[in-house]
């Protein structure tokens, strides 16, 4: 059980390889507008100093920003990784691209807490597949299907607004990441001894992972399910 103090949403903004420094400044300004402070920038393609004129009164956010080379460094200490994409799943079969809207995401955060990282991808190509795989959840903003890609600063502002509107306050109890890992391990063992074809096992495990992350499972629920999986495995082993 993880004990947390009452307070605002613990959200870290992560910009991945931003190309245009004005966008970096605009994101920092939106962060200031909605009371966010923690910014990490992964491998920027320009001088972050040049973003300051576009940040208006949020220059201190840029001054305190963590500039790192690898995404792993920006995600250190994070409990939940949330990505953004303009390419949501068009079919339920595309498990890795199933998304929620900013409003749905904010509604979840209004009930549950933890340290979250929000990933904003490159202006030209967005998040790559390996970065999508790192995410526990994806957000997409419904837009004109003939031109659905928004500027990253606009994406940021919309998501920040929805979170601010909910006046989020973390719940005192959240699912420990280590417990979530144990749950996935038990499910993996169950899948291994099942009759599921080998080529479908990975997508089945990804579907279960998505289900866990979207359900905001409690510790009690997780331990009950782990116990049930173990009983099933014991029966199958006889």
C-alpha atoms as a PDB file:
ATOM      1  CA  UNK A   1       0.000   0.000   0.000  1.00  0.00           C
ATOM      2  CA  UNK A   2       1.384   3.411  -0.975  1.00  0.00           C
ATOM      3  CA  UNK A   3       0.517   6.362   1.248  1.00  0.00           C
ATOM      4  CA  UNK A   4       0.214   9.736  -0.435  1.00  0.00           C
ATOM      5  CA  UNK A   5      -0.384  13.210   0.869  1.00  0.00           C
ATOM      6  CA  UNK A   6      -3.325  15.217  -0.345  1.00  0.00           C
ATOM      7  CA  UNK A   7      -2.343  17.635  -3.073  1.00  0.00           C
ATOM      8  CA  UNK A   8      -2.473  18.443  -6.814  1.00  0.00           C
ATOM      9  CA  UNK A   9      -1.926  15.858  -9.528  1.00  0.00           C
ATOM     10  CA  UNK A  10       1.728  14.770  -9.650  1.00  0.00           C
ATOM     11  CA  UNK A  11       2.235  15.129 -13.404  1.00  0.00           C
ATOM     12  CA  UNK A  12       5.573  15.272 -15.237  1.00  0.00           C
ATOM     13  CA  UNK A  13       5.531  16.599 -18.784  1.00  0.00           C
ATOM     14  CA  UNK A  14       8.011  14.939 -21.141  1.00  0.00           C
ATOM     15  CA  UNK A  15       8.796  16.427 -24.562  1.00  0.00           C
ATOM     16  CA  UNK A  16      10.508  13.913 -26.846  1.00  0.00           C
ATOM     17  CA  UNK A  17      12.997  15.338 -29.343  1.00  0.00           C
ATOM     18  CA  UNK A  18      11.161  18.639 -29.966  1.00  0.00           C
ATOM     19  CA  UNK A  19      12.235  20.287 -33.225  1.00  0.00           C
ATOM     20  CA  UNK A  20      10.817  23.800 -32.905  1.00  0.00           C
ATOM     21  CA  UNK A  21      11.810  25.681 -29.767  1.00  0.00           C
ATOM     22  CA  UNK A  22       8.801  28.060 -29.883  1.00  0.00           C
ATOM     23  CA  UNK A  23       6.628  24.995 -29.229  1.00  0.00           C
ATOM     24  CA  UNK A  24       8.718  24.193 -26.163  1.00  0.00           C
ATOM     25  CA  UNK A  25       8.098  27.708 -24.896  1.00  0.00           C
ATOM     26  CA  UNK A  26       4.364  27.480 -25.562  1.00  0.00           C
ATOM     27  CA  UNK A  27       4.130  24.164 -23.685  1.00  0.00           C
ATOM     28  CA  UNK A  28       5.896  25.732 -20.701  1.00  0.00           C
ATOM     29  CA  UNK A  29       3.460  28.668 -20.822  1.00  0.00           C
ATOM     30  CA  UNK A  30       0.470  26.272 -20.813  1.00  0.00           C
ATOM     31  CA  UNK A  31       1.999  24.434 -17.878  1.00  0.00           C
ATOM     32  CA  UNK A  32       2.165  27.705 -15.964  1.00  0.00           C
ATOM     33  CA  UNK A  33      -1.457  28.496 -16.912  1.00  0.00           C
ATOM     34  CA  UNK A  34      -2.670  25.270 -15.342  1.00  0.00           C
ATOM     35  CA  UNK A  35      -0.377  24.953 -12.353  1.00  0.00           C
ATOM     36  CA  UNK A  36       2.099  22.343 -13.645  1.00  0.00           C
ATOM     37  CA  UNK A  37       5.806  22.651 -12.933  1.00  0.00           C
ATOM     38  CA  UNK A  38       7.835  19.553 -13.816  1.00  0.00           C
ATOM     39  CA  UNK A  39       9.199  19.419 -17.366  1.00  0.00           C
ATOM     40  CA  UNK A  40      11.671  17.018 -18.957  1.00  0.00           C
ATOM     41  CA  UNK A  41      13.009  17.424 -22.493  1.00  0.00           C
ATOM     42  CA  UNK A  42      14.521  14.408 -24.217  1.00  0.00           C
ATOM     43  CA  UNK A  43      17.241  15.091 -26.801  1.00  0.00           C
ATOM     44  CA  UNK A  44      15.989  18.505 -28.024  1.00  0.00           C
ATOM     45  CA  UNK A  45      16.864  19.393 -31.626  1.00  0.00           C
ATOM     46  CA  UNK A  46      17.591  23.007 -30.797  1.00  0.00           C
ATOM     47  CA  UNK A  47      18.804  25.332 -28.060  1.00  0.00           C
ATOM     48  CA  UNK A  48      16.191  25.317 -25.291  1.00  0.00           C
ATOM     49  CA  UNK A  49      17.378  28.791 -24.280  1.00  0.00           C
ATOM     50  CA  UNK A  50      15.769  30.105 -27.474  1.00  0.00           C
ATOM     51  CA  UNK A  51      12.358  28.894 -26.226  1.00  0.00           C
ATOM     52  CA  UNK A  52      12.285  31.390 -23.373  1.00  0.00           C
ATOM     53  CA  UNK A  53      10.810  34.358 -25.288  1.00  0.00           C
ATOM     54  CA  UNK A  54       7.801  32.176 -26.160  1.00  0.00           C
ATOM     55  CA  UNK A  55       7.227  31.040 -22.579  1.00  0.00           C
ATOM     56  CA  UNK A  56       6.101  34.506 -21.395  1.00  0.00           C
ATOM     57  CA  UNK A  57       5.932  34.327 -17.577  1.00  0.00           C
ATOM     58  CA  UNK A  58       6.835  30.629 -17.466  1.00  0.00           C
ATOM     59  CA  UNK A  59      10.549  30.973 -18.107  1.00  0.00           C
ATOM     60  CA  UNK A  60      11.370  29.476 -14.706  1.00  0.00           C
ATOM     61  CA  UNK A  61       9.825  26.187 -15.865  1.00  0.00           C
ATOM     62  CA  UNK A  62      12.351  26.060 -18.707  1.00  0.00           C
ATOM     63  CA  UNK A  63      15.179  27.010 -16.363  1.00  0.00           C
ATOM     64  CA  UNK A  64      14.330  24.093 -14.054  1.00  0.00           C
ATOM     65  CA  UNK A  65      13.583  21.619 -16.857  1.00  0.00           C
ATOM     66  CA  UNK A  66      15.536  18.377 -16.967  1.00  0.00           C
ATOM     67  CA  UNK A  67      17.408  18.038 -20.270  1.00  0.00           C
ATOM     68  CA  UNK A  68      18.210  14.357 -20.842  1.00  0.00           C
ATOM     69  CA  UNK A  69      19.396  12.166 -23.710  1.00  0.00           C
ATOM     70  CA  UNK A  70      17.224   9.107 -23.107  1.00  0.00           C
ATOM     71  CA  UNK A  71      13.544   8.576 -22.369  1.00  0.00           C
ATOM     72  CA  UNK A  72      14.443   6.209 -19.510  1.00  0.00           C
ATOM     73  CA  UNK A  73      16.028   9.141 -17.651  1.00  0.00           C
ATOM     74  CA  UNK A  74      12.850  11.205 -18.016  1.00  0.00           C
ATOM     75  CA  UNK A  75      10.696   8.354 -16.675  1.00  0.00           C
ATOM     76  CA  UNK A  76      12.732   7.625 -13.553  1.00  0.00           C
ATOM     77  CA  UNK A  77      10.419   7.412 -10.526  1.00  0.00           C
ATOM     78  CA  UNK A  78       7.209   7.464 -12.575  1.00  0.00           C
ATOM     79  CA  UNK A  79       4.274   5.144 -11.724  1.00  0.00           C
ATOM     80  CA  UNK A  80       2.224   5.535 -14.911  1.00  0.00           C
ATOM     81  CA  UNK A  81       3.292   6.581 -18.418  1.00  0.00           C
ATOM     82  CA  UNK A  82       0.672   8.239 -20.621  1.00  0.00           C
ATOM     83  CA  UNK A  83       1.343   8.878 -24.294  1.00  0.00           C
ATOM     84  CA  UNK A  84      -0.367  11.046 -26.902  1.00  0.00           C
ATOM     85  CA  UNK A  85      -1.155  10.117 -30.489  1.00  0.00           C
ATOM     86  CA  UNK A  86      -3.131  11.384 -33.468  1.00  0.00           C
ATOM     87  CA  UNK A  87      -3.366   7.792 -34.772  1.00  0.00           C
ATOM     88  CA  UNK A  88      -5.749   5.862 -32.494  1.00  0.00           C
ATOM     89  CA  UNK A  89      -6.757   2.282 -33.183  1.00  0.00           C
ATOM     90  CA  UNK A  90      -9.227   1.943 -36.058  1.00  0.00           C
ATOM     91  CA  UNK A  91      -9.902  -1.635 -35.062  1.00  0.00           C
ATOM     92  CA  UNK A  92     -10.177  -3.365 -31.663  1.00  0.00           C
ATOM     93  CA  UNK A  93      -7.439  -5.690 -32.919  1.00  0.00           C
ATOM     94  CA  UNK A  94      -4.901  -2.837 -32.690  1.00  0.00           C
ATOM     95  CA  UNK A  95      -4.405  -3.269 -28.939  1.00  0.00           C
ATOM     96  CA  UNK A  96      -1.388  -0.979 -28.573  1.00  0.00           C
ATOM     97  CA  UNK A  97      -3.294   1.979 -30.094  1.00  0.00           C
ATOM     98  CA  UNK A  98      -6.495   1.878 -28.032  1.00  0.00           C
ATOM     99  CA  UNK A  99      -6.952   5.405 -26.655  1.00  0.00           C
ATOM    100  CA  UNK A 100      -8.971   7.545 -24.280  1.00  0.00           C
ATOM    101  CA  UNK A 101      -9.907  11.184 -24.734  1.00  0.00           C
ATOM    102  CA  UNK A 102      -8.420  13.941 -22.540  1.00  0.00           C
ATOM    103  CA  UNK A 103     -11.760  14.186 -20.708  1.00  0.00           C
ATOM    104  CA  UNK A 104     -11.854  10.444 -20.010  1.00  0.00           C
ATOM    105  CA  UNK A 105      -8.266  10.572 -18.798  1.00  0.00           C
ATOM    106  CA  UNK A 106      -9.014  13.503 -16.493  1.00  0.00           C
ATOM    107  CA  UNK A 107     -12.012  11.645 -15.062  1.00  0.00           C
ATOM    108  CA  UNK A 108      -9.759   8.712 -14.151  1.00  0.00           C
ATOM    109  CA  UNK A 109      -7.181  10.997 -12.570  1.00  0.00           C
ATOM    110  CA  UNK A 110      -9.878  12.647 -10.510  1.00  0.00           C
ATOM    111  CA  UNK A 111     -10.237   9.384  -8.611  1.00  0.00           C
ATOM    112  CA  UNK A 112      -6.730   7.968  -8.540  1.00  0.00           C
ATOM    113  CA  UNK A 113      -3.193   9.207  -8.042  1.00  0.00           C
ATOM    114  CA  UNK A 114       0.486   8.395  -8.337  1.00  0.00           C
ATOM    115  CA  UNK A 115       3.286  10.033 -10.271  1.00  0.00           C
ATOM    116  CA  UNK A 116       2.342  10.300 -13.939  1.00  0.00           C
ATOM    117  CA  UNK A 117       4.403  11.179 -16.996  1.00  0.00           C
ATOM    118  CA  UNK A 118       2.682  12.665 -20.042  1.00  0.00           C
ATOM    119  CA  UNK A 119       4.672  12.093 -23.243  1.00  0.00           C
ATOM    120  CA  UNK A 120       4.407  14.564 -26.118  1.00  0.00           C
ATOM    121  CA  UNK A 121       6.064  13.308 -29.292  1.00  0.00           C
ATOM    122  CA  UNK A 122       7.952  14.893 -32.139  1.00  0.00           C
ATOM    123  CA  UNK A 123       6.231  17.573 -34.197  1.00  0.00           C
ATOM    124  CA  UNK A 124       6.774  15.642 -37.442  1.00  0.00           C
ATOM    125  CA  UNK A 125       6.459  11.948 -36.531  1.00  0.00           C
ATOM    126  CA  UNK A 126       4.995  11.850 -33.016  1.00  0.00           C
ATOM    127  CA  UNK A 127       5.812   8.922 -30.743  1.00  0.00           C
ATOM    128  CA  UNK A 128       7.557   5.928 -32.282  1.00  0.00           C
ATOM    129  CA  UNK A 129       6.283   2.383 -31.816  1.00  0.00           C
ATOM    130  CA  UNK A 130       8.869   1.533 -29.156  1.00  0.00           C
ATOM    131  CA  UNK A 131       7.805   4.632 -27.196  1.00  0.00           C
ATOM    132  CA  UNK A 132       4.134   3.679 -27.570  1.00  0.00           C
ATOM    133  CA  UNK A 133       5.064   0.298 -26.081  1.00  0.00           C
ATOM    134  CA  UNK A 134       6.429   2.089 -22.993  1.00  0.00           C
ATOM    135  CA  UNK A 135       3.051   3.721 -22.358  1.00  0.00           C
ATOM    136  CA  UNK A 136       0.459   2.358 -19.952  1.00  0.00           C
ATOM    137  CA  UNK A 137      -2.244   4.444 -21.591  1.00  0.00           C
ATOM    138  CA  UNK A 138      -2.716   6.576 -24.715  1.00  0.00           C
ATOM    139  CA  UNK A 139      -4.652   9.806 -25.174  1.00  0.00           C
ATOM    140  CA  UNK A 140      -6.000  11.028 -28.482  1.00  0.00           C
ATOM    141  CA  UNK A 141      -7.875  14.247 -29.232  1.00  0.00           C
ATOM    142  CA  UNK A 142     -10.849  13.704 -31.570  1.00  0.00           C
ATOM    143  CA  UNK A 143     -10.428  16.080 -34.493  1.00  0.00           C
ATOM    144  CA  UNK A 144     -11.211  16.438 -38.193  1.00  0.00           C
ATOM    145  CA  UNK A 145     -10.351  13.000 -39.635  1.00  0.00           C
ATOM    146  CA  UNK A 146      -8.954  14.623 -42.773  1.00  0.00           C
ATOM    147  CA  UNK A 147      -6.433  16.543 -40.639  1.00  0.00           C
ATOM    148  CA  UNK A 148      -6.301  15.099 -37.097  1.00  0.00           C
ATOM    149  CA  UNK A 149      -2.749  16.103 -36.124  1.00  0.00           C
ATOM    150  CA  UNK A 150      -2.571  19.039 -33.692  1.00  0.00           C
ATOM    151  CA  UNK A 151       0.461  21.086 -32.758  1.00  0.00           C
ATOM    152  CA  UNK A 152       2.028  19.655 -29.578  1.00  0.00           C
ATOM    153  CA  UNK A 153       1.463  22.901 -27.681  1.00  0.00           C
ATOM    154  CA  UNK A 154      -2.252  22.725 -28.526  1.00  0.00           C
ATOM    155  CA  UNK A 155      -2.395  19.075 -27.469  1.00  0.00           C
ATOM    156  CA  UNK A 156      -0.750  20.017 -24.182  1.00  0.00           C
ATOM    157  CA  UNK A 157      -3.124  22.914 -23.516  1.00  0.00           C
ATOM    158  CA  UNK A 158      -6.234  20.792 -24.142  1.00  0.00           C
ATOM    159  CA  UNK A 159      -5.085  18.010 -21.824  1.00  0.00           C
ATOM    160  CA  UNK A 160      -3.929  20.454 -19.127  1.00  0.00           C
ATOM    161  CA  UNK A 161      -7.292  22.230 -19.275  1.00  0.00           C
ATOM    162  CA  UNK A 162      -9.269  19.010 -18.824  1.00  0.00           C
ATOM    163  CA  UNK A 163      -7.106  18.009 -15.857  1.00  0.00           C
ATOM    164  CA  UNK A 164      -7.417  21.459 -14.295  1.00  0.00           C
ATOM    165  CA  UNK A 165     -11.177  21.466 -14.810  1.00  0.00           C
ATOM    166  CA  UNK A 166     -11.497  18.317 -12.726  1.00  0.00           C
ATOM    167  CA  UNK A 167      -9.449  19.904  -9.913  1.00  0.00           C
ATOM    168  CA  UNK A 168      -7.718  16.580  -9.458  1.00  0.00           C
ATOM    169  CA  UNK A 169      -6.771  15.285  -6.023  1.00  0.00           C
ATOM    170  CA  UNK A 170      -4.953  11.922  -5.770  1.00  0.00           C
ATOM    171  CA  UNK A 171      -6.494   9.059  -3.875  1.00  0.00           C
ATOM    172  CA  UNK A 172      -4.471   8.007  -0.805  1.00  0.00           C
ATOM    173  CA  UNK A 173      -4.119   4.415  -1.978  1.00  0.00           C
ATOM    174  CA  UNK A 174      -2.866   3.398  -5.429  1.00  0.00           C
ATOM    175  CA  UNK A 175      -1.641   0.143  -6.916  1.00  0.00           C
ATOM    176  CA  UNK A 176       2.062  -0.390  -6.272  1.00  0.00           C
ATOM    177  CA  UNK A 177       3.950  -0.834  -9.604  1.00  0.00           C
ATOM    178  CA  UNK A 178       5.655  -3.925  -8.151  1.00  0.00           C
ATOM    179  CA  UNK A 179       2.260  -5.474  -7.415  1.00  0.00           C
ATOM    180  CA  UNK A 180       1.155  -4.718 -10.973  1.00  0.00           C
ATOM    181  CA  UNK A 181       4.321  -6.451 -12.179  1.00  0.00           C
ATOM    182  CA  UNK A 182       3.469  -9.529 -10.064  1.00  0.00           C
ATOM    183  CA  UNK A 183      -0.017  -9.577 -11.554  1.00  0.00           C
ATOM    184  CA  UNK A 184       1.410  -9.505 -15.068  1.00  0.00           C
ATOM    185  CA  UNK A 185       3.882 -12.271 -14.212  1.00  0.00           C
ATOM    186  CA  UNK A 186       1.094 -14.555 -12.959  1.00  0.00           C
ATOM    187  CA  UNK A 187      -0.978 -13.841 -16.060  1.00  0.00           C
ATOM    188  CA  UNK A 188       2.071 -14.589 -18.225  1.00  0.00           C
ATOM    189  CA  UNK A 189       2.482 -17.967 -16.483  1.00  0.00           C
ATOM    190  CA  UNK A 190      -1.200 -18.720 -17.035  1.00  0.00           C
ATOM    191  CA  UNK A 191      -0.949 -17.833 -20.726  1.00  0.00           C
ATOM    192  CA  UNK A 192       2.136 -20.036 -21.087  1.00  0.00           C
ATOM    193  CA  UNK A 193       0.280 -23.160 -19.948  1.00  0.00           C
ATOM    194  CA  UNK A 194      -2.880 -22.356 -21.897  1.00  0.00           C
ATOM    195  CA  UNK A 195      -3.857 -23.572 -25.321  1.00  0.00           C
ATOM    196  CA  UNK A 196      -3.540 -20.056 -26.751  1.00  0.00           C
ATOM    197  CA  UNK A 197      -1.495 -20.163 -29.990  1.00  0.00           C
ATOM    198  CA  UNK A 198       2.023 -18.812 -29.545  1.00  0.00           C
ATOM    199  CA  UNK A 199       1.514 -16.017 -32.088  1.00  0.00           C
ATOM    200  CA  UNK A 200      -1.483 -14.687 -30.074  1.00  0.00           C
ATOM    201  CA  UNK A 201       0.067 -14.741 -26.612  1.00  0.00           C
ATOM    202  CA  UNK A 202       1.812 -11.366 -26.846  1.00  0.00           C
ATOM    203  CA  UNK A 203      -1.312  -9.533 -27.961  1.00  0.00           C
ATOM    204  CA  UNK A 204      -3.319 -11.306 -25.234  1.00  0.00           C
ATOM    205  CA  UNK A 205      -0.875 -10.103 -22.579  1.00  0.00           C
ATOM    206  CA  UNK A 206      -0.991  -6.567 -24.022  1.00  0.00           C
ATOM    207  CA  UNK A 207      -4.794  -6.658 -23.834  1.00  0.00           C
ATOM    208  CA  UNK A 208      -4.635  -7.666 -20.161  1.00  0.00           C
ATOM    209  CA  UNK A 209      -2.094  -4.906 -19.458  1.00  0.00           C
ATOM    210  CA  UNK A 210      -4.412  -2.342 -21.081  1.00  0.00           C
ATOM    211  CA  UNK A 211      -7.318  -3.626 -19.003  1.00  0.00           C
ATOM    212  CA  UNK A 212      -5.335  -3.222 -15.774  1.00  0.00           C
ATOM    213  CA  UNK A 213      -4.246   0.309 -16.611  1.00  0.00           C
ATOM    214  CA  UNK A 214      -7.681   1.520 -17.667  1.00  0.00           C
ATOM    215  CA  UNK A 215      -9.397  -0.016 -14.647  1.00  0.00           C
ATOM    216  CA  UNK A 216      -7.207   1.692 -11.997  1.00  0.00           C
ATOM    217  CA  UNK A 217      -7.164  -1.527  -9.982  1.00  0.00           C
ATOM    218  CA  UNK A 218      -6.809  -1.369  -6.186  1.00  0.00           C
ATOM    219  CA  UNK A 219      -4.303  -3.398  -4.171  1.00  0.00           C
ATOM    220  CA  UNK A 220      -7.048  -5.636  -2.765  1.00  0.00           C
ATOM    221  CA  UNK A 221      -8.408  -6.394  -6.227  1.00  0.00           C
ATOM    222  CA  UNK A 222      -4.938  -7.187  -7.533  1.00  0.00           C
ATOM    223  CA  UNK A 223      -4.095  -9.585  -4.702  1.00  0.00           C
ATOM    224  CA  UNK A 224      -7.411 -11.420  -5.149  1.00  0.00           C
ATOM    225  CA  UNK A 225      -6.783 -11.871  -8.871  1.00  0.00           C
ATOM    226  CA  UNK A 226      -3.190 -13.008  -8.268  1.00  0.00           C
ATOM    227  CA  UNK A 227      -4.545 -15.596  -5.823  1.00  0.00           C
ATOM    228  CA  UNK A 228      -7.093 -16.798  -8.371  1.00  0.00           C
ATOM    229  CA  UNK A 229      -4.431 -17.142 -11.075  1.00  0.00           C
ATOM    230  CA  UNK A 230      -2.215 -19.174  -8.751  1.00  0.00           C
ATOM    231  CA  UNK A 231      -5.082 -21.522  -7.863  1.00  0.00           C
ATOM    232  CA  UNK A 232      -5.758 -22.040 -11.554  1.00  0.00           C
ATOM    233  CA  UNK A 233      -2.082 -22.795 -12.181  1.00  0.00           C
ATOM    234  CA  UNK A 234      -2.035 -25.315  -9.302  1.00  0.00           C
ATOM    235  CA  UNK A 235      -5.073 -27.110 -10.734  1.00  0.00           C
ATOM    236  CA  UNK A 236      -3.566 -27.197 -14.224  1.00  0.00           C
ATOM    237  CA  UNK A 237      -0.303 -28.587 -12.827  1.00  0.00           C
ATOM    238  CA  UNK A 238      -2.046 -31.681 -11.384  1.00  0.00           C
END
